[in-house]
Amino acid sequence: EKLYELAWSMPMTALAKKCGVSSSYLARVFTQ
């Protein structure tokens, strides 16, 4: 639920930066 909220609050590049991971890695997190 929290990840879903964050995904629709900012671009993936910004979210990945705040999470400290790459955009491609974060995309795999969303898929899993």
ModelCIF file with pLDDT and N, C-alpha, C, O atoms, coordinates in Angstrom:
data_MODEL
#
_entry.id   MODEL 
#
_entity.id                         1 
_entity.type                       polymer 
_entity.pdbx_number_of_molecules   1 
#
_entity_poly.entity_id                      1 
_entity_poly.type                           'polypeptide(L)' 
_entity_poly.nstd_linkage                   no 
_entity_poly.nstd_monomer                   no 
_entity_poly.pdbx_seq_one_letter_code       EKLYELAWSMPMTALAKKCGVSSSYLARVFTQ 
_entity_poly.pdbx_seq_one_letter_code_can   EKLYELAWSMPMTALAKKCGVSSSYLARVFTQ 
_entity_poly.pdbx_strand_id                 A 
#
loop_
_entity_poly_seq.entity_id 
_entity_poly_seq.num 
_entity_poly_seq.mon_id 
_entity_poly_seq.hetero 
1 1  GLU n 
1 2  LYS n 
1 3  LEU n 
1 4  TYR n 
1 5  GLU n 
1 6  LEU n 
1 7  ALA n 
1 8  TRP n 
1 9  SER n 
1 10 MET n 
1 11 PRO n 
1 12 MET n 
1 13 THR n 
1 14 ALA n 
1 15 LEU n 
1 16 ALA n 
1 17 LYS n 
1 18 LYS n 
1 19 CYS n 
1 20 GLY n 
1 21 VAL n 
1 22 SER n 
1 23 SER n 
1 24 SER n 
1 25 TYR n 
1 26 LEU n 
1 27 ALA n 
1 28 ARG n 
1 29 VAL n 
1 30 PHE n 
1 31 THR n 
1 32 GLN n 
#
_struct_asym.id          A 
_struct_asym.entity_id   1 
#
loop_
_ma_qa_metric.id 
_ma_qa_metric.mode 
_ma_qa_metric.name 
_ma_qa_metric.software_group_id 
_ma_qa_metric.type 
1 global pLDDT . pLDDT 
2 local  pLDDT . pLDDT 
#
_ma_qa_metric_global.metric_id      1 
_ma_qa_metric_global.metric_value   91.47 
_ma_qa_metric_global.model_id       1 
_ma_qa_metric_global.ordinal_id     1 
#
loop_
_ma_qa_metric_local.label_asym_id 
_ma_qa_metric_local.label_comp_id 
_ma_qa_metric_local.label_seq_id 
_ma_qa_metric_local.metric_id 
_ma_qa_metric_local.metric_value 
_ma_qa_metric_local.model_id 
_ma_qa_metric_local.ordinal_id 
A GLU 1  2 94.00 1 1  
A LYS 2  2 94.00 1 2  
A LEU 3  2 94.00 1 3  
A TYR 4  2 95.00 1 4  
A GLU 5  2 95.00 1 5  
A LEU 6  2 95.00 1 6  
A ALA 7  2 94.00 1 7  
A TRP 8  2 95.00 1 8  
A SER 9  2 94.00 1 9  
A MET 10 2 94.00 1 10 
A PRO 11 2 94.00 1 11 
A MET 12 2 92.00 1 12 
A THR 13 2 92.00 1 13 
A ALA 14 2 93.00 1 14 
A LEU 15 2 94.00 1 15 
A ALA 16 2 92.00 1 16 
A LYS 17 2 92.00 1 17 
A LYS 18 2 92.00 1 18 
A CYS 19 2 91.00 1 19 
A GLY 20 2 90.00 1 20 
A VAL 21 2 90.00 1 21 
A SER 22 2 89.00 1 22 
A SER 23 2 88.00 1 23 
A SER 24 2 86.00 1 24 
A TYR 25 2 88.00 1 25 
A LEU 26 2 91.00 1 26 
A ALA 27 2 88.00 1 27 
A ARG 28 2 86.00 1 28 
A VAL 29 2 91.00 1 29 
A PHE 30 2 91.00 1 30 
A THR 31 2 87.00 1 31 
A GLN 32 2 86.00 1 32 
#
loop_
_atom_site.group_PDB 
_atom_site.id 
_atom_site.type_symbol 
_atom_site.label_atom_id 
_atom_site.label_alt_id 
_atom_site.label_comp_id 
_atom_site.label_asym_id 
_atom_site.label_entity_id 
_atom_site.label_seq_id 
_atom_site.pdbx_PDB_ins_code 
_atom_site.Cartn_x 
_atom_site.Cartn_y 
_atom_site.Cartn_z 
_atom_site.occupancy 
_atom_site.B_iso_or_equiv 
_atom_site.pdbx_formal_charge 
_atom_site.auth_seq_id 
_atom_site.auth_comp_id 
_atom_site.auth_asym_id 
_atom_site.auth_atom_id 
_atom_site.pdbx_PDB_model_num 
ATOM 1   N N  . GLU A 1 1  ? 0.825  -1.208 0.000   1.00 94.00 ? 1  GLU A N  1 
ATOM 2   C CA . GLU A 1 1  ? 0.000  0.000  0.000   1.00 94.00 ? 1  GLU A CA 1 
ATOM 3   C C  . GLU A 1 1  ? 0.864  1.265  0.000   1.00 94.00 ? 1  GLU A C  1 
ATOM 4   O O  . GLU A 1 1  ? 0.573  2.221  -0.718  1.00 94.00 ? 1  GLU A O  1 
ATOM 5   N N  . LYS A 1 2  ? 1.921  1.261  0.806   1.00 94.00 ? 2  LYS A N  1 
ATOM 6   C CA . LYS A 1 2  ? 2.796  2.427  0.877   1.00 94.00 ? 2  LYS A CA 1 
ATOM 7   C C  . LYS A 1 2  ? 3.561  2.625  -0.430  1.00 94.00 ? 2  LYS A C  1 
ATOM 8   O O  . LYS A 1 2  ? 3.722  3.751  -0.901  1.00 94.00 ? 2  LYS A O  1 
ATOM 9   N N  . LEU A 1 3  ? 4.030  1.518  -1.009  1.00 94.00 ? 3  LEU A N  1 
ATOM 10  C CA . LEU A 1 3  ? 4.768  1.613  -2.268  1.00 94.00 ? 3  LEU A CA 1 
ATOM 11  C C  . LEU A 1 3  ? 3.858  2.127  -3.384  1.00 94.00 ? 3  LEU A C  1 
ATOM 12  O O  . LEU A 1 3  ? 4.273  2.922  -4.226  1.00 94.00 ? 3  LEU A O  1 
ATOM 13  N N  . TYR A 1 4  ? 2.624  1.661  -3.371  1.00 95.00 ? 4  TYR A N  1 
ATOM 14  C CA . TYR A 1 4  ? 1.638  2.121  -4.357  1.00 95.00 ? 4  TYR A CA 1 
ATOM 15  C C  . TYR A 1 4  ? 1.406  3.630  -4.217  1.00 95.00 ? 4  TYR A C  1 
ATOM 16  O O  . TYR A 1 4  ? 1.354  4.350  -5.215  1.00 95.00 ? 4  TYR A O  1 
ATOM 17  N N  . GLU A 1 5  ? 1.270  4.096  -2.987  1.00 95.00 ? 5  GLU A N  1 
ATOM 18  C CA . GLU A 1 5  ? 1.060  5.527  -2.727  1.00 95.00 ? 5  GLU A CA 1 
ATOM 19  C C  . GLU A 1 5  ? 2.246  6.351  -3.235  1.00 95.00 ? 5  GLU A C  1 
ATOM 20  O O  . GLU A 1 5  ? 2.064  7.399  -3.855  1.00 95.00 ? 5  GLU A O  1 
ATOM 21  N N  . LEU A 1 6  ? 3.469  5.862  -2.965  1.00 95.00 ? 6  LEU A N  1 
ATOM 22  C CA . LEU A 1 6  ? 4.667  6.583  -3.394  1.00 95.00 ? 6  LEU A CA 1 
ATOM 23  C C  . LEU A 1 6  ? 4.811  6.584  -4.914  1.00 95.00 ? 6  LEU A C  1 
ATOM 24  O O  . LEU A 1 6  ? 5.240  7.578  -5.500  1.00 95.00 ? 6  LEU A O  1 
ATOM 25  N N  . ALA A 1 7  ? 4.447  5.462  -5.553  1.00 94.00 ? 7  ALA A N  1 
ATOM 26  C CA . ALA A 1 7  ? 4.600  5.344  -7.000  1.00 94.00 ? 7  ALA A CA 1 
ATOM 27  C C  . ALA A 1 7  ? 3.799  6.392  -7.748  1.00 94.00 ? 7  ALA A C  1 
ATOM 28  O O  . ALA A 1 7  ? 4.211  6.860  -8.809  1.00 94.00 ? 7  ALA A O  1 
ATOM 29  N N  . TRP A 1 8  ? 2.648  6.760  -7.192  1.00 95.00 ? 8  TRP A N  1 
ATOM 30  C CA . TRP A 1 8  ? 1.766  7.714  -7.871  1.00 95.00 ? 8  TRP A CA 1 
ATOM 31  C C  . TRP A 1 8  ? 1.875  9.114  -7.295  1.00 95.00 ? 8  TRP A C  1 
ATOM 32  O O  . TRP A 1 8  ? 1.025  9.970  -7.539  1.00 95.00 ? 8  TRP A O  1 
ATOM 33  N N  . SER A 1 9  ? 2.947  9.337  -6.516  1.00 94.00 ? 9  SER A N  1 
ATOM 34  C CA . SER A 1 9  ? 3.171  10.663 -5.947  1.00 94.00 ? 9  SER A CA 1 
ATOM 35  C C  . SER A 1 9  ? 4.388  11.356 -6.548  1.00 94.00 ? 9  SER A C  1 
ATOM 36  O O  . SER A 1 9  ? 4.550  12.567 -6.397  1.00 94.00 ? 9  SER A O  1 
ATOM 37  N N  . MET A 1 10 ? 5.242  10.596 -7.227  1.00 94.00 ? 10 MET A N  1 
ATOM 38  C CA . MET A 1 10 ? 6.460  11.183 -7.799  1.00 94.00 ? 10 MET A CA 1 
ATOM 39  C C  . MET A 1 10 ? 6.981  10.274 -8.909  1.00 94.00 ? 10 MET A C  1 
ATOM 40  O O  . MET A 1 10 ? 6.650  9.088  -8.931  1.00 94.00 ? 10 MET A O  1 
ATOM 41  N N  . PRO A 1 11 ? 7.793  10.804 -9.838  1.00 94.00 ? 11 PRO A N  1 
ATOM 42  C CA . PRO A 1 11 ? 8.374  9.978  -10.899 1.00 94.00 ? 11 PRO A CA 1 
ATOM 43  C C  . PRO A 1 11 ? 9.267  8.874  -10.330 1.00 94.00 ? 11 PRO A C  1 
ATOM 44  O O  . PRO A 1 11 ? 9.794  8.995  -9.224  1.00 94.00 ? 11 PRO A O  1 
ATOM 45  N N  . MET A 1 12 ? 9.427  7.805  -11.096 1.00 92.00 ? 12 MET A N  1 
ATOM 46  C CA . MET A 1 12 ? 10.221 6.668  -10.657 1.00 92.00 ? 12 MET A CA 1 
ATOM 47  C C  . MET A 1 12 ? 11.665 7.055  -10.362 1.00 92.00 ? 12 MET A C  1 
ATOM 48  O O  . MET A 1 12 ? 12.266 6.550  -9.414  1.00 92.00 ? 12 MET A O  1 
ATOM 49  N N  . THR A 1 13 ? 12.220 7.953  -11.174 1.00 92.00 ? 13 THR A N  1 
ATOM 50  C CA . THR A 1 13 ? 13.619 8.358  -10.952 1.00 92.00 ? 13 THR A CA 1 
ATOM 51  C C  . THR A 1 13 ? 13.772 9.048  -9.599  1.00 92.00 ? 13 THR A C  1 
ATOM 52  O O  . THR A 1 13 ? 14.756 8.829  -8.893  1.00 92.00 ? 13 THR A O  1 
ATOM 53  N N  . ALA A 1 14 ? 12.791 9.884  -9.242  1.00 93.00 ? 14 ALA A N  1 
ATOM 54  C CA . ALA A 1 14 ? 12.840 10.574 -7.953  1.00 93.00 ? 14 ALA A CA 1 
ATOM 55  C C  . ALA A 1 14 ? 12.650 9.594  -6.801  1.00 93.00 ? 14 ALA A C  1 
ATOM 56  O O  . ALA A 1 14 ? 13.330 9.683  -5.779  1.00 93.00 ? 14 ALA A O  1 
ATOM 57  N N  . LEU A 1 15 ? 11.723 8.663  -6.975  1.00 94.00 ? 15 LEU A N  1 
ATOM 58  C CA . LEU A 1 15 ? 11.469 7.670  -5.932  1.00 94.00 ? 15 LEU A CA 1 
ATOM 59  C C  . LEU A 1 15 ? 12.672 6.753  -5.739  1.00 94.00 ? 15 LEU A C  1 
ATOM 60  O O  . LEU A 1 15 ? 13.027 6.416  -4.609  1.00 94.00 ? 15 LEU A O  1 
ATOM 61  N N  . ALA A 1 16 ? 13.301 6.350  -6.852  1.00 92.00 ? 16 ALA A N  1 
ATOM 62  C CA . ALA A 1 16 ? 14.479 5.489  -6.764  1.00 92.00 ? 16 ALA A CA 1 
ATOM 63  C C  . ALA A 1 16 ? 15.609 6.194  -6.012  1.00 92.00 ? 16 ALA A C  1 
ATOM 64  O O  . ALA A 1 16 ? 16.315 5.575  -5.217  1.00 92.00 ? 16 ALA A O  1 
ATOM 65  N N  . LYS A 1 17 ? 15.770 7.481  -6.270  1.00 92.00 ? 17 LYS A N  1 
ATOM 66  C CA . LYS A 1 17 ? 16.812 8.254  -5.600  1.00 92.00 ? 17 LYS A CA 1 
ATOM 67  C C  . LYS A 1 17 ? 16.550 8.340  -4.100  1.00 92.00 ? 17 LYS A C  1 
ATOM 68  O O  . LYS A 1 17 ? 17.472 8.215  -3.295  1.00 92.00 ? 17 LYS A O  1 
ATOM 69  N N  . LYS A 1 18 ? 15.287 8.554  -3.730  1.00 92.00 ? 18 LYS A N  1 
ATOM 70  C CA . LYS A 1 18 ? 14.939 8.646  -2.311  1.00 92.00 ? 18 LYS A CA 1 
ATOM 71  C C  . LYS A 1 18 ? 15.105 7.289  -1.617  1.00 92.00 ? 18 LYS A C  1 
ATOM 72  O O  . LYS A 1 18 ? 15.403 7.225  -0.424  1.00 92.00 ? 18 LYS A O  1 
ATOM 73  N N  . CYS A 1 19 ? 14.908 6.204  -2.382  1.00 91.00 ? 19 CYS A N  1 
ATOM 74  C CA . CYS A 1 19 ? 15.065 4.863  -1.815  1.00 91.00 ? 19 CYS A CA 1 
ATOM 75  C C  . CYS A 1 19 ? 16.519 4.406  -1.808  1.00 91.00 ? 19 CYS A C  1 
ATOM 76  O O  . CYS A 1 19 ? 16.873 3.452  -1.115  1.00 91.00 ? 19 CYS A O  1 
ATOM 77  N N  . GLY A 1 20 ? 17.363 5.095  -2.585  1.00 90.00 ? 20 GLY A N  1 
ATOM 78  C CA . GLY A 1 20 ? 18.777 4.737  -2.641  1.00 90.00 ? 20 GLY A CA 1 
ATOM 79  C C  . GLY A 1 20 ? 19.070 3.541  -3.521  1.00 90.00 ? 20 GLY A C  1 
ATOM 80  O O  . GLY A 1 20 ? 20.030 2.808  -3.283  1.00 90.00 ? 20 GLY A O  1 
ATOM 81  N N  . VAL A 1 21 ? 18.227 3.334  -4.563  1.00 90.00 ? 21 VAL A N  1 
ATOM 82  C CA . VAL A 1 21 ? 18.443 2.231  -5.501  1.00 90.00 ? 21 VAL A CA 1 
ATOM 83  C C  . VAL A 1 21 ? 18.310 2.767  -6.924  1.00 90.00 ? 21 VAL A C  1 
ATOM 84  O O  . VAL A 1 21 ? 17.908 3.914  -7.121  1.00 90.00 ? 21 VAL A O  1 
ATOM 85  N N  . SER A 1 22 ? 18.646 1.943  -7.914  1.00 89.00 ? 22 SER A N  1 
ATOM 86  C CA . SER A 1 22 ? 18.502 2.358  -9.307  1.00 89.00 ? 22 SER A CA 1 
ATOM 87  C C  . SER A 1 22 ? 17.051 2.208  -9.747  1.00 89.00 ? 22 SER A C  1 
ATOM 88  O O  . SER A 1 22 ? 16.280 1.475  -9.129  1.00 89.00 ? 22 SER A O  1 
ATOM 89  N N  . SER A 1 23 ? 16.686 2.910  -10.821 1.00 88.00 ? 23 SER A N  1 
ATOM 90  C CA . SER A 1 23 ? 15.320 2.840  -11.334 1.00 88.00 ? 23 SER A CA 1 
ATOM 91  C C  . SER A 1 23 ? 14.979 1.437  -11.815 1.00 88.00 ? 23 SER A C  1 
ATOM 92  O O  . SER A 1 23 ? 13.855 0.973  -11.621 1.00 88.00 ? 23 SER A O  1 
ATOM 93  N N  . SER A 1 24 ? 15.950 0.746  -12.448 1.00 86.00 ? 24 SER A N  1 
ATOM 94  C CA . SER A 1 24 ? 15.701 -0.604 -12.951 1.00 86.00 ? 24 SER A CA 1 
ATOM 95  C C  . SER A 1 24 ? 15.479 -1.583 -11.803 1.00 86.00 ? 24 SER A C  1 
ATOM 96  O O  . SER A 1 24 ? 14.633 -2.472 -11.896 1.00 86.00 ? 24 SER A O  1 
ATOM 97  N N  . TYR A 1 25 ? 16.239 -1.422 -10.719 1.00 88.00 ? 25 TYR A N  1 
ATOM 98  C CA . TYR A 1 25 ? 16.049 -2.288 -9.553  1.00 88.00 ? 25 TYR A CA 1 
ATOM 99  C C  . TYR A 1 25 ? 14.678 -2.034 -8.927  1.00 88.00 ? 25 TYR A C  1 
ATOM 100 O O  . TYR A 1 25 ? 13.973 -2.972 -8.557  1.00 88.00 ? 25 TYR A O  1 
ATOM 101 N N  . LEU A 1 26 ? 14.311 -0.763 -8.813  1.00 91.00 ? 26 LEU A N  1 
ATOM 102 C CA . LEU A 1 26 ? 13.017 -0.425 -8.231  1.00 91.00 ? 26 LEU A CA 1 
ATOM 103 C C  . LEU A 1 26 ? 11.882 -0.980 -9.075  1.00 91.00 ? 26 LEU A C  1 
ATOM 104 O O  . LEU A 1 26 ? 10.860 -1.407 -8.538  1.00 91.00 ? 26 LEU A O  1 
ATOM 105 N N  . ALA A 1 27 ? 12.052 -0.977 -10.393 1.00 88.00 ? 27 ALA A N  1 
ATOM 106 C CA . ALA A 1 27 ? 11.016 -1.536 -11.271 1.00 88.00 ? 27 ALA A CA 1 
ATOM 107 C C  . ALA A 1 27 ? 10.808 -3.018 -10.976 1.00 88.00 ? 27 ALA A C  1 
ATOM 108 O O  . ALA A 1 27 ? 9.676  -3.499 -11.026 1.00 88.00 ? 27 ALA A O  1 
ATOM 109 N N  . ARG A 1 28 ? 11.883 -3.752 -10.669 1.00 86.00 ? 28 ARG A N  1 
ATOM 110 C CA . ARG A 1 28 ? 11.754 -5.169 -10.325 1.00 86.00 ? 28 ARG A CA 1 
ATOM 111 C C  . ARG A 1 28 ? 11.021 -5.353 -9.004  1.00 86.00 ? 28 ARG A C  1 
ATOM 112 O O  . ARG A 1 28 ? 10.286 -6.322 -8.817  1.00 86.00 ? 28 ARG A O  1 
ATOM 113 N N  . VAL A 1 29 ? 11.233 -4.399 -8.083  1.00 91.00 ? 29 VAL A N  1 
ATOM 114 C CA . VAL A 1 29 ? 10.509 -4.451 -6.807  1.00 91.00 ? 29 VAL A CA 1 
ATOM 115 C C  . VAL A 1 29 ? 9.009  -4.328 -7.052  1.00 91.00 ? 29 VAL A C  1 
ATOM 116 O O  . VAL A 1 29 ? 8.216  -5.071 -6.475  1.00 91.00 ? 29 VAL A O  1 
ATOM 117 N N  . PHE A 1 30 ? 8.625  -3.386 -7.909  1.00 91.00 ? 30 PHE A N  1 
ATOM 118 C CA . PHE A 1 30 ? 7.209  -3.190 -8.228  1.00 91.00 ? 30 PHE A CA 1 
ATOM 119 C C  . PHE A 1 30 ? 6.625  -4.456 -8.860  1.00 91.00 ? 30 PHE A C  1 
ATOM 120 O O  . PHE A 1 30 ? 5.495  -4.843 -8.565  1.00 91.00 ? 30 PHE A O  1 
ATOM 121 N N  . THR A 1 31 ? 7.406  -5.092 -9.730  1.00 87.00 ? 31 THR A N  1 
ATOM 122 C CA . THR A 1 31 ? 6.926  -6.301 -10.389 1.00 87.00 ? 31 THR A CA 1 
ATOM 123 C C  . THR A 1 31 ? 6.743  -7.433 -9.377  1.00 87.00 ? 31 THR A C  1 
ATOM 124 O O  . THR A 1 31 ? 5.721  -8.119 -9.393  1.00 87.00 ? 31 THR A O  1 
ATOM 125 N N  . GLN A 1 32 ? 7.720  -7.629 -8.505  1.00 86.00 ? 32 GLN A N  1 
ATOM 126 C CA . GLN A 1 32 ? 7.647  -8.702 -7.518  1.00 86.00 ? 32 GLN A CA 1 
ATOM 127 C C  . GLN A 1 32 ? 6.520  -8.484 -6.511  1.00 86.00 ? 32 GLN A C  1 
ATOM 128 O O  . GLN A 1 32 ? 6.327  -9.303 -5.612  1.00 86.00 ? 32 GLN A O  1 
#
